[in-house]
């Protein structure tokens, strides 16, 4: 699974989902109805930092 991630001062947006491998062209048509998903940037960063901390324990 792949997607484009746009980051602004206030948001993180996941969009344009697709499936790709090293040996085939990306498949985008099947995933056109997924997203976009918009996250508050501060919450997004906080969540990633918390998850990183758990992995380091």
C-alpha atoms as a PDB file:
ATOM      1  CA  UNK A   1       0.000   0.000   0.000  1.00  0.00           C
ATOM      2  CA  UNK A   2       1.268   3.452  -0.839  1.00  0.00           C
ATOM      3  CA  UNK A   3      -0.125   6.960  -0.645  1.00  0.00           C
ATOM      4  CA  UNK A   4       0.872  10.571  -0.987  1.00  0.00           C
ATOM      5  CA  UNK A   5       1.324  12.500   2.226  1.00  0.00           C
ATOM      6  CA  UNK A   6       0.866  16.266   2.248  1.00  0.00           C
ATOM      7  CA  UNK A   7       1.999  18.165   5.325  1.00  0.00           C
ATOM      8  CA  UNK A   8       1.006  21.739   6.153  1.00  0.00           C
ATOM      9  CA  UNK A   9       1.532  23.792   9.296  1.00  0.00           C
ATOM     10  CA  UNK A  10      -1.678  22.377  10.767  1.00  0.00           C
ATOM     11  CA  UNK A  11      -2.543  19.130   8.969  1.00  0.00           C
ATOM     12  CA  UNK A  12      -1.220  15.857   7.616  1.00  0.00           C
ATOM     13  CA  UNK A  13      -3.194  14.474   4.674  1.00  0.00           C
ATOM     14  CA  UNK A  14      -2.999  10.939   3.289  1.00  0.00           C
ATOM     15  CA  UNK A  15      -4.349  10.714  -0.278  1.00  0.00           C
ATOM     16  CA  UNK A  16      -4.013   8.993  -3.667  1.00  0.00           C
ATOM     17  CA  UNK A  17      -3.762   5.467  -2.326  1.00  0.00           C
ATOM     18  CA  UNK A  18      -2.419   2.676  -4.461  1.00  0.00           C
ATOM     19  CA  UNK A  19      -0.642  -0.641  -4.475  1.00  0.00           C
ATOM     20  CA  UNK A  20       2.799  -1.107  -5.950  1.00  0.00           C
ATOM     21  CA  UNK A  21       5.685  -3.519  -5.971  1.00  0.00           C
ATOM     22  CA  UNK A  22       9.215  -3.391  -7.292  1.00  0.00           C
ATOM     23  CA  UNK A  23       8.206  -5.502 -10.267  1.00  0.00           C
ATOM     24  CA  UNK A  24       4.880  -4.044 -11.454  1.00  0.00           C
ATOM     25  CA  UNK A  25       3.231  -0.763 -12.307  1.00  0.00           C
ATOM     26  CA  UNK A  26       1.291   0.964  -9.493  1.00  0.00           C
ATOM     27  CA  UNK A  27      -2.392  -0.004  -9.231  1.00  0.00           C
ATOM     28  CA  UNK A  28      -4.323   3.173  -8.479  1.00  0.00           C
ATOM     29  CA  UNK A  29      -7.799   2.619  -9.953  1.00  0.00           C
ATOM     30  CA  UNK A  30      -8.926   0.128  -7.307  1.00  0.00           C
ATOM     31  CA  UNK A  31      -8.170   2.610  -4.532  1.00  0.00           C
ATOM     32  CA  UNK A  32      -9.685   5.822  -5.912  1.00  0.00           C
ATOM     33  CA  UNK A  33     -12.489   5.829  -3.344  1.00  0.00           C
ATOM     34  CA  UNK A  34     -10.145   5.612  -0.339  1.00  0.00           C
ATOM     35  CA  UNK A  35      -9.372   8.866   1.461  1.00  0.00           C
ATOM     36  CA  UNK A  36      -8.289  11.497   1.722  1.00  0.00           C
ATOM     37  CA  UNK A  37      -7.650  11.236   5.432  1.00  0.00           C
ATOM     38  CA  UNK A  38      -6.899  14.490   7.239  1.00  0.00           C
ATOM     39  CA  UNK A  39      -5.144  14.539  10.622  1.00  0.00           C
ATOM     40  CA  UNK A  40      -4.347  17.371  12.989  1.00  0.00           C
ATOM     41  CA  UNK A  41      -0.565  17.721  12.686  1.00  0.00           C
ATOM     42  CA  UNK A  42       0.111  18.141  16.410  1.00  0.00           C
ATOM     43  CA  UNK A  43      -1.936  15.018  17.238  1.00  0.00           C
ATOM     44  CA  UNK A  44      -0.305  13.084  14.387  1.00  0.00           C
ATOM     45  CA  UNK A  45       3.226  13.910  15.561  1.00  0.00           C
ATOM     46  CA  UNK A  46       2.340  13.181  19.194  1.00  0.00           C
ATOM     47  CA  UNK A  47       0.934   9.761  18.275  1.00  0.00           C
ATOM     48  CA  UNK A  48       3.998   8.841  16.219  1.00  0.00           C
ATOM     49  CA  UNK A  49       6.294   9.889  19.070  1.00  0.00           C
ATOM     50  CA  UNK A  50       4.296   7.785  21.551  1.00  0.00           C
ATOM     51  CA  UNK A  51       4.479   4.755  19.259  1.00  0.00           C
ATOM     52  CA  UNK A  52       8.197   5.239  18.754  1.00  0.00           C
ATOM     53  CA  UNK A  53       8.667   5.332  22.529  1.00  0.00           C
ATOM     54  CA  UNK A  54       6.820   2.037  22.919  1.00  0.00           C
ATOM     55  CA  UNK A  55       9.030   0.396  20.316  1.00  0.00           C
ATOM     56  CA  UNK A  56      12.158   1.575  22.101  1.00  0.00           C
ATOM     57  CA  UNK A  57      11.113   0.058  25.453  1.00  0.00           C
END
